[in-house]
Each structure stands twice: as C-alpha cells, then as structure tokens.
C-alpha cells in the first residue's frame, strides 16, 4: 500500500511532501511522488514527438530532483512520472497503478496555514475514488506524526462516517474528535422563522450534540475511544473554524455528500466552505471508501 503525492512542475512544494511524510510515518505506508506529464495541445505535436519528449524529460528531471531534495529522508519513497490527458486524471490512474490508499496534493497560492483549493485539488475533491488529502499552504510537520483526526460532523443519523473516521484514526494511531461548525443566522433569516438567532443556534447546538452522542454510542469501537465533541461558532466560516482549538498533528476529515456519486469524493456546499477555511490539512473520503473503512 502506498500514499501517492501529486507534485507540481512549476514550483517547489514542500508542504505536500511534509504532509505525505507525516501520514506515512503514522501508518507505515510507502510514498510515491508522482509528476504528471500532460499530453501536448499544440497542433502537429504528439506525446511521442521527439521535441516534446526531450522538453518534458528535462522538465521532469528538474522537478523530480527538486522533490528529492525537499522530501523528508525518514520515510520510504520513490519518484515517478505519469503521462495523462490531465493532471487530476493522471493522478487517479497513477493511484490505481500503485495501489495507493490516498492521493495527497498541495494548496494553490493563498493564505499561509489555510487550504487554498487549486483547480487540480478541486477536480480530485469531486471525482477521486479514494481519499484525497490537501495540505495547507506552508504546512510543515517536521518529523511529527498524525496526533488527532477531527471529523466534520453535520448531524447525520448514519454512523458510517463516524466509524470510518474511527478506523482511520486507529490506523494512524491518533485521537478522534467530532466537530460541527455553526455560522450564526443573520437578522433577516432569524425573522423569517420568527425566532431569535441565538435561540435557533442553541437549539441546533443541542441537537448536534445529541445526534453525535448517539452516533458514538451506537458503535462499540468508537464508544471505547470516547471521542470529544466540539462545536465552533462564528459570524463567518473562518471564525467558526477558528473557534475550536487546533494543534500540531491535527487533520480534518470530511465525508462525501449524500447527493454525490457513491464511489467518488463529492463535496457538498457546506463541506467546500469548511475545507476553504480550515487551518489544518484536510482528508476527504468517498462514501464507498468510508463504508470499507467502517467495516474493518
């Protein structure tokens, strides 16, 4: 089993290598760092053209040399290239080829210590058949391991997501907690339901805690772990995410939307907002993968 890293050709990407190394230290898997070579779109030039191959071979050699220099030396790793029509499709194909359990990618340019979803990460977060991890910009783990998984819990009655997060936490040797995020109702919204915003928020908070406790109590393995339940409040998503504590070694786990394809990652609108404002790396899990994890 391996962890597949999507490494960019146009810049250094220490953050994604650091995250992959932290994951590998925690679950004992090897790492494959992959540079996807995209087929040319220039008329008259094909992927087999000598001119194209010479150019991309030089680019790949330069990129892999950079990745080799930046990759932490304490985890088993191999470096490879993969030809494909697009980077996301190439990473999915490479993951299948190497029997990878997870694809790890970095953030786009954006705020330090936040996830800035690139077009590549966005495609994977809506189409990958295996879990996808996205590093925050500037992420550094040193020689650390995964210390805690925080499952973004939206009050689902099904226990699959909770059981999957527990199995993943056990695989990493990490703690588990459940977290929900409440963005306060605006005054017009509160008026529409003839309730004060604080009253609606309190009611929602109590319901989430009750449902989370039910989900924990219905699974013996999760009950033994007795995960913490936390709720972040705020007037905006960033404020709600920052309302709970985050520490070194933390990862946020997001499940797929029930409306999306069963076998692939598909994030709903709320999950996307959470991902874009999280201060720690994110792991998104497709429903099929979540079911497999839950059944371990």
Protein backbone atom coordinates (compact mmCIF):
# COMPACT_ATOMS: atom_id res chain seq x y z
CA UNK A 1 0.00 0.00 0.00
CA UNK A 2 1.24 3.47 -0.83
CA UNK A 3 0.45 7.15 -0.47
CA UNK A 4 0.54 8.91 -3.85
CA UNK A 5 1.76 12.52 -3.93
CA UNK A 6 0.85 14.82 -6.79
CA UNK A 7 3.91 17.06 -7.21
CA UNK A 8 3.73 20.20 -9.40
CA UNK A 9 6.22 21.03 -12.14
CA UNK A 10 6.06 24.81 -11.81
CA UNK A 11 7.17 25.42 -8.21
CA UNK A 12 8.61 23.92 -5.03
CA UNK A 13 6.02 22.13 -2.93
CA UNK A 14 7.49 21.29 0.45
CA UNK A 15 4.06 21.39 2.11
CA UNK A 16 2.63 18.42 0.21
CA UNK A 17 5.80 16.38 0.81
CA UNK A 18 5.71 17.22 4.51
CA UNK A 19 2.08 16.11 4.79
CA UNK A 20 2.73 12.88 2.90
CA UNK A 21 5.69 12.12 5.16
CA UNK A 22 3.59 12.73 8.28
CA UNK A 23 0.91 10.36 7.01
CA UNK A 24 3.47 7.72 6.09
CA UNK A 25 5.18 7.90 9.49
CA UNK A 26 1.81 7.37 11.13
CA UNK A 27 0.53 4.37 9.16
CA UNK A 28 3.76 2.79 7.90
CA UNK A 29 2.98 3.11 4.20
CA UNK A 30 5.46 3.97 1.46
CA UNK A 31 5.26 7.20 -0.54
CA UNK A 32 5.24 7.57 -4.32
CA UNK A 33 5.91 11.11 -5.54
CA UNK A 34 4.35 11.47 -8.99
CA UNK A 35 4.83 14.18 -11.62
CA UNK A 36 2.06 14.02 -14.24
CA UNK A 37 3.13 14.92 -17.77
CA UNK A 38 0.13 16.33 -19.63
CA UNK A 39 -0.32 15.45 -23.30
CA UNK A 40 0.56 18.37 -25.63
CA UNK A 41 -2.19 20.51 -27.12
CA UNK A 42 -0.04 22.06 -29.85
CA UNK A 43 -1.20 21.09 -33.38
CA UNK A 44 1.21 18.68 -35.02
CA UNK A 45 2.88 17.72 -31.73
CA UNK A 46 2.09 14.43 -30.02
CA UNK A 47 3.27 12.88 -26.78
CA UNK A 48 5.63 10.68 -28.84
CA UNK A 49 7.21 13.59 -30.69
CA UNK A 50 10.99 13.77 -30.05
CA UNK A 51 10.78 17.51 -29.43
CA UNK A 52 8.04 17.08 -26.85
CA UNK A 53 9.72 14.13 -25.12
CA UNK A 54 13.02 15.99 -24.88
CA UNK A 55 11.32 19.02 -23.36
CA UNK A 56 9.22 17.11 -20.84
CA UNK A 57 12.07 14.79 -19.89
CA UNK A 58 14.17 17.80 -18.94
CA UNK A 59 11.27 19.31 -17.02
CA UNK A 60 10.54 16.02 -15.23
CA UNK A 61 14.18 15.50 -14.28
CA UNK A 62 14.40 19.03 -12.87
CA UNK A 63 11.12 18.63 -10.96
CA UNK A 64 11.94 15.22 -9.50
CA UNK A 65 15.40 16.43 -8.45
CA UNK A 66 13.71 19.29 -6.57
CA UNK A 67 11.22 16.90 -4.95
CA UNK A 68 14.03 14.55 -3.94
CA UNK A 69 15.87 17.42 -2.25
CA UNK A 70 12.78 18.52 -0.31
CA UNK A 71 11.37 15.11 0.64
CA UNK A 72 11.96 14.20 4.33
CA UNK A 73 14.59 11.47 4.44
CA UNK A 74 12.99 9.31 7.14
CA UNK A 75 10.20 7.71 5.04
CA UNK A 76 10.45 5.18 2.15
CA UNK A 77 9.80 6.97 -1.15
CA UNK A 78 10.07 6.50 -4.88
CA UNK A 79 9.76 9.10 -7.63
CA UNK A 80 7.96 8.62 -10.92
CA UNK A 81 6.29 10.34 -13.87
CA UNK A 82 2.95 9.51 -15.45
CA UNK A 83 1.60 10.59 -18.85
CA UNK A 84 -2.07 11.60 -18.98
CA UNK A 85 -4.56 13.95 -20.62
CA UNK A 86 -4.87 15.99 -17.42
CA UNK A 87 -3.16 16.13 -14.04
CA UNK A 88 -6.20 15.00 -11.99
CA UNK A 89 -6.92 12.04 -14.28
CA UNK A 90 -3.22 11.16 -14.30
CA UNK A 91 -3.09 11.13 -10.51
CA UNK A 92 -6.15 8.86 -10.32
CA UNK A 93 -4.60 6.50 -12.88
CA UNK A 94 -1.25 6.53 -11.07
CA UNK A 95 -3.01 5.84 -7.76
CA UNK A 96 -4.66 2.79 -9.29
CA UNK A 97 -1.35 1.65 -10.80
CA UNK A 98 0.48 1.87 -7.47
CA UNK A 99 -2.45 0.54 -5.41
CA UNK A 100 -2.49 3.78 -3.44
CA UNK A 101 -4.80 4.27 -0.48
CA UNK A 102 -4.73 8.07 -0.68
CA UNK A 103 -3.81 10.92 -3.03
CA UNK A 104 -2.04 13.89 -1.43
CA UNK A 105 -1.92 17.31 -3.10
CA UNK A 106 -0.94 20.81 -2.06
CA UNK A 107 -2.71 24.14 -1.95
CA UNK A 108 -2.75 26.88 -4.55
CA UNK A 109 -1.33 30.31 -3.78
CA UNK A 110 -3.23 31.82 -0.88
CA UNK A 111 -3.09 32.49 2.83
CA UNK A 112 -0.42 30.69 4.83
CA UNK A 113 -1.81 27.92 7.07
CA UNK A 114 -5.06 27.69 5.10
CA UNK A 115 -6.23 25.34 2.39
CA UNK A 116 -6.35 27.15 -0.95
CA UNK A 117 -8.08 24.71 -3.31
CA UNK A 118 -6.37 24.61 -6.70
CA UNK A 119 -8.16 23.52 -9.88
CA UNK A 120 -6.40 20.16 -9.58
CA UNK A 121 -7.44 19.66 -5.94
CA UNK A 122 -10.97 20.79 -6.81
CA UNK A 123 -11.28 18.12 -9.51
CA UNK A 124 -9.97 15.45 -7.17
CA UNK A 125 -12.25 16.62 -4.34
CA UNK A 126 -15.20 15.97 -6.64
CA UNK A 127 -14.08 12.88 -8.52
CA UNK A 128 -11.43 10.75 -6.78
CA UNK A 129 -12.39 7.14 -5.99
CA UNK A 130 -10.01 7.10 -2.99
CA UNK A 131 -9.45 9.56 -0.13
CA UNK A 132 -7.76 12.85 -1.01
CA UNK A 133 -5.59 14.82 1.41
CA UNK A 134 -4.92 18.52 0.82
CA UNK A 135 -2.08 20.29 2.63
CA UNK A 136 -2.46 23.79 3.96
CA UNK A 137 -0.18 26.33 2.31
CA UNK A 138 3.21 26.36 4.04
CA UNK A 139 2.46 23.19 6.02
CA UNK A 140 5.42 21.74 7.92
CA UNK A 141 5.24 18.64 10.11
CA UNK A 142 8.92 18.31 10.90
CA UNK A 143 9.30 14.68 11.91
CA UNK A 144 5.87 14.63 13.52
CA UNK A 145 3.04 12.12 13.16
CA UNK A 146 -0.72 12.46 12.99
CA UNK A 147 -1.88 13.23 16.53
CA UNK A 148 -5.64 13.80 16.12
CA UNK A 149 -8.34 13.46 13.50
CA UNK A 150 -11.30 15.83 13.66
CA UNK A 151 -14.38 14.62 11.81
CA UNK A 152 -16.57 17.40 10.46
CA UNK A 153 -19.94 16.17 11.72
CA UNK A 154 -23.15 17.55 10.23
CA UNK A 155 -25.64 15.61 12.33
CA UNK A 156 -26.08 12.55 10.12
CA UNK A 157 -28.08 9.71 11.64
CA UNK A 158 -25.92 7.16 9.83
CA UNK A 159 -22.84 6.02 11.75
CA UNK A 160 -20.74 5.16 8.68
CA UNK A 161 -18.81 8.43 8.67
CA UNK A 162 -18.04 8.23 12.39
CA UNK A 163 -16.95 4.58 12.16
CA UNK A 164 -14.77 5.37 9.12
CA UNK A 165 -13.08 8.24 10.95
CA UNK A 166 -12.50 5.98 13.95
CA UNK A 167 -10.90 3.33 11.73
CA UNK A 168 -8.68 5.94 10.10
CA UNK A 169 -7.68 7.33 13.49
CA UNK A 170 -6.80 3.82 14.66
CA UNK A 171 -4.71 3.29 11.52
CA UNK A 172 -2.76 6.47 12.27
CA UNK A 173 -2.57 5.81 16.00
CA UNK A 174 -4.30 9.14 16.55
CA UNK A 175 -7.05 10.56 18.75
CA UNK A 176 -10.52 11.23 17.34
CA UNK A 177 -12.98 14.05 17.93
CA UNK A 178 -16.20 15.20 16.27
CA UNK A 179 -16.69 18.84 15.34
CA UNK A 180 -19.62 20.82 13.96
CA UNK A 181 -19.49 24.42 12.83
CA UNK A 182 -22.35 26.87 13.31
CA UNK A 183 -22.37 30.11 11.37
CA UNK A 184 -24.83 32.47 13.06
CA UNK A 185 -28.07 33.34 11.35
CA UNK A 186 -28.37 36.87 10.05
CA UNK A 187 -31.20 39.03 11.38
CA UNK A 188 -33.39 38.67 8.22
CA UNK A 189 -33.04 34.89 8.34
CA UNK A 190 -33.98 34.82 12.01
CA UNK A 191 -37.03 36.96 11.36
CA UNK A 192 -38.21 34.66 8.60
CA UNK A 193 -38.56 31.80 11.07
CA UNK A 194 -39.90 34.13 13.80
CA UNK A 195 -37.08 33.21 16.16
CA UNK A 196 -34.12 35.00 17.60
CA UNK A 197 -30.78 33.96 16.12
CA UNK A 198 -29.37 32.87 19.49
CA UNK A 199 -32.37 30.66 20.20
CA UNK A 200 -32.04 28.93 16.82
CA UNK A 201 -28.31 28.46 17.42
CA UNK A 202 -28.84 26.97 20.87
CA UNK A 203 -31.44 24.57 19.53
CA UNK A 204 -29.15 23.50 16.70
CA UNK A 205 -26.19 23.05 19.08
CA UNK A 206 -28.20 20.79 21.40
CA UNK A 207 -29.45 18.70 18.50
CA UNK A 208 -25.94 18.24 17.08
CA UNK A 209 -24.52 17.18 20.45
CA UNK A 210 -27.35 14.71 20.96
CA UNK A 211 -27.03 13.21 17.47
CA UNK A 212 -23.24 12.99 17.75
CA UNK A 213 -23.54 11.19 21.08
CA UNK A 214 -26.00 8.74 19.52
CA UNK A 215 -23.58 8.07 16.63
CA UNK A 216 -20.75 7.44 19.08
CA UNK A 217 -22.81 5.22 21.34
CA UNK A 218 -24.08 3.02 18.51
CA UNK A 219 -20.59 1.85 17.52
CA UNK A 220 -18.65 -0.22 20.04
CA UNK A 221 -15.21 0.69 18.68
CA UNK A 222 -15.99 4.41 18.70
CA UNK A 223 -17.51 4.18 22.18
CA UNK A 224 -14.27 2.69 23.52
CA UNK A 225 -12.37 5.63 22.07
CA UNK A 226 -14.92 8.09 23.58
CA UNK A 227 -14.16 11.00 21.22
CA UNK A 228 -14.59 14.60 22.25
CA UNK A 229 -17.47 16.58 20.71
CA UNK A 230 -16.83 20.25 19.96
CA UNK A 231 -18.84 22.97 18.20
CA UNK A 232 -17.33 26.08 16.67
CA UNK A 233 -19.47 29.22 16.47
CA UNK A 234 -18.92 32.35 14.45
CA UNK A 235 -20.43 35.01 12.24
CA UNK A 236 -18.38 33.64 9.32
CA UNK A 237 -16.97 30.22 8.42
CA UNK A 238 -13.38 31.21 9.19
CA UNK A 239 -14.41 32.43 12.63
CA UNK A 240 -16.35 29.22 13.32
CA UNK A 241 -13.37 27.06 12.32
CA UNK A 242 -11.04 29.12 14.49
CA UNK A 243 -13.42 28.85 17.46
CA UNK A 244 -12.16 25.35 18.28
CA UNK A 245 -8.57 24.53 19.16
CA UNK A 246 -6.14 23.19 16.56
CA UNK A 247 -2.73 21.75 17.38
CA UNK A 248 0.30 20.32 15.60
CA UNK A 249 -0.54 16.91 14.14
CA UNK A 250 -4.23 17.73 13.60
CA UNK A 251 -6.10 16.73 10.44
CA UNK A 252 -9.70 17.48 9.46
CA UNK A 253 -11.77 14.66 7.92
CA UNK A 254 -14.63 15.44 5.55
CA UNK A 255 -17.12 12.91 4.19
CA UNK A 256 -18.78 12.97 0.79
CA UNK A 257 -22.20 14.47 0.19
CA UNK A 258 -25.10 12.01 0.06
CA UNK A 259 -26.12 13.67 -3.22
CA UNK A 260 -22.86 12.83 -4.98
CA UNK A 261 -21.61 9.71 -6.78
CA UNK A 262 -21.33 6.78 -4.40
CA UNK A 263 -17.83 5.65 -5.34
CA UNK A 264 -16.11 9.02 -5.59
CA UNK A 265 -15.40 12.04 -3.44
CA UNK A 266 -18.16 14.61 -3.87
CA UNK A 267 -18.23 17.58 -1.52
CA UNK A 268 -21.43 19.47 -0.81
CA UNK A 269 -21.52 23.27 -0.50
CA UNK A 270 -21.07 23.27 3.28
CA UNK A 271 -18.11 20.89 3.10
CA UNK A 272 -16.45 23.09 0.48
CA UNK A 273 -16.80 26.11 2.77
CA UNK A 274 -15.27 24.17 5.66
CA UNK A 275 -12.35 23.00 3.51
CA UNK A 276 -11.62 26.51 2.28
CA UNK A 277 -11.40 27.89 5.83
CA UNK A 278 -9.68 25.10 7.72
CA UNK A 279 -6.30 25.90 9.35
CA UNK A 280 -5.13 22.26 9.13
CA UNK A 281 -4.76 19.74 6.29
CA UNK A 282 -7.94 18.01 5.12
CA UNK A 283 -8.74 14.41 4.19
CA UNK A 284 -11.87 13.93 2.06
CA UNK A 285 -13.29 10.40 1.94
CA UNK A 286 -15.66 8.98 -0.73
CA UNK A 287 -18.70 7.13 0.58
CA UNK A 288 -17.56 3.77 -0.78
CA UNK A 289 -14.15 4.18 0.89
CA UNK A 290 -15.89 5.28 4.11
CA UNK A 291 -18.00 2.12 4.08
CA UNK A 292 -14.90 -0.03 3.58
CA UNK A 293 -13.13 1.73 6.45
CA UNK A 294 -16.17 1.37 8.70
CA UNK A 295 -16.34 -2.37 8.06
CA UNK A 296 -12.72 -3.06 9.07
